[in-house]
């Protein structure tokens, strides 16, 4: 149709609240927490025995969450460029 499209986002990274600070980051950390719990409480039930104490590295968990968010926001940015959508930082 020859029309132009634009998206206004105030955060400086695409994806809105859910992707940047809400649902996705929370679920990434929750998944890591579930893995920790399973390793600590349930692996032995399945014959998986780990030597030593199971510990949590919160810094790595945060880094994994950040990598997930970055990958998804980068994917949205790629799609915007591919389809000629203009991205404007601000409030609309």
Protein backbone atom coordinates (compact mmCIF):
# COMPACT_ATOMS: atom_id res chain seq x y z
CA UNK A 1 0.00 0.00 0.00
CA UNK A 2 3.02 2.28 0.22
CA UNK A 3 2.36 3.39 3.79
CA UNK A 4 5.04 4.00 6.42
CA UNK A 5 5.05 2.41 9.86
CA UNK A 6 6.65 3.59 13.08
CA UNK A 7 6.86 2.26 16.62
CA UNK A 8 7.48 4.52 19.61
CA UNK A 9 9.19 2.89 22.60
CA UNK A 10 10.38 4.80 25.67
CA UNK A 11 12.90 2.30 27.10
CA UNK A 12 15.59 2.36 24.47
CA UNK A 13 15.12 -1.33 23.71
CA UNK A 14 12.19 -2.86 21.89
CA UNK A 15 9.70 -5.27 23.41
CA UNK A 16 7.86 -3.25 26.02
CA UNK A 17 7.44 -4.06 29.69
CA UNK A 18 6.89 -7.81 29.30
CA UNK A 19 10.10 -8.44 27.40
CA UNK A 20 12.40 -5.96 29.13
CA UNK A 21 11.49 -5.97 32.82
CA UNK A 22 8.38 -8.11 33.35
CA UNK A 23 7.33 -11.54 32.16
CA UNK A 24 10.37 -12.74 30.24
CA UNK A 25 13.10 -11.76 32.74
CA UNK A 26 11.01 -13.13 35.61
CA UNK A 27 10.40 -16.42 33.84
CA UNK A 28 14.09 -16.77 32.94
CA UNK A 29 15.05 -16.43 36.62
CA UNK A 30 12.20 -18.70 37.69
CA UNK A 31 13.39 -21.41 35.29
CA UNK A 32 16.92 -21.20 36.74
CA UNK A 33 15.46 -21.47 40.23
CA UNK A 34 13.49 -24.57 39.22
CA UNK A 35 16.67 -26.16 37.84
CA UNK A 36 18.46 -25.43 41.12
CA UNK A 37 15.62 -26.93 43.14
CA UNK A 38 15.47 -30.04 40.95
CA UNK A 39 19.24 -30.54 41.20
CA UNK A 40 19.13 -30.16 44.97
CA UNK A 41 15.96 -32.14 45.71
CA UNK A 42 15.06 -34.49 42.85
CA UNK A 43 18.06 -35.56 40.78
CA UNK A 44 18.95 -38.37 43.20
CA UNK A 45 15.44 -39.79 42.73
CA UNK A 46 16.43 -40.40 39.11
CA UNK A 47 19.85 -41.84 39.86
CA UNK A 48 21.72 -38.61 39.21
CA UNK A 49 24.18 -38.15 42.07
CA UNK A 50 26.27 -35.02 42.22
CA UNK A 51 29.43 -34.83 44.30
CA UNK A 52 29.53 -31.93 46.73
CA UNK A 53 26.98 -29.29 47.57
CA UNK A 54 24.69 -27.78 44.93
CA UNK A 55 25.06 -23.99 45.01
CA UNK A 56 23.54 -21.08 43.15
CA UNK A 57 25.55 -18.46 41.24
CA UNK A 58 23.13 -15.53 41.15
CA UNK A 59 25.46 -13.51 38.94
CA UNK A 60 25.35 -16.22 36.27
CA UNK A 61 21.59 -16.45 36.62
CA UNK A 62 21.33 -12.68 36.04
CA UNK A 63 23.70 -12.92 33.06
CA UNK A 64 21.58 -15.69 31.54
CA UNK A 65 18.45 -13.60 32.01
CA UNK A 66 20.14 -10.61 30.37
CA UNK A 67 21.27 -12.73 27.42
CA UNK A 68 17.72 -14.01 26.92
CA UNK A 69 16.28 -10.49 26.94
CA UNK A 70 19.03 -9.17 24.65
CA UNK A 71 18.46 -11.95 22.14
CA UNK A 72 14.73 -11.35 22.00
CA UNK A 73 14.95 -7.55 21.78
CA UNK A 74 17.59 -7.93 19.07
CA UNK A 75 15.21 -10.19 17.17
CA UNK A 76 12.49 -7.55 17.25
CA UNK A 77 14.94 -4.90 16.08
CA UNK A 78 16.00 -7.17 13.20
CA UNK A 79 12.37 -7.67 12.14
CA UNK A 80 11.75 -3.91 12.25
CA UNK A 81 14.72 -3.30 9.95
CA UNK A 82 13.74 -6.15 7.64
CA UNK A 83 10.20 -4.82 7.19
CA UNK A 84 11.05 -1.10 7.11
CA UNK A 85 9.44 -0.14 10.43
CA UNK A 86 10.85 3.07 11.88
CA UNK A 87 11.77 2.86 15.56
CA UNK A 88 11.44 6.07 17.57
CA UNK A 89 12.64 6.40 21.16
CA UNK A 90 10.19 8.39 23.24
CA UNK A 91 6.59 8.44 24.42
CA UNK A 92 3.70 8.49 22.00
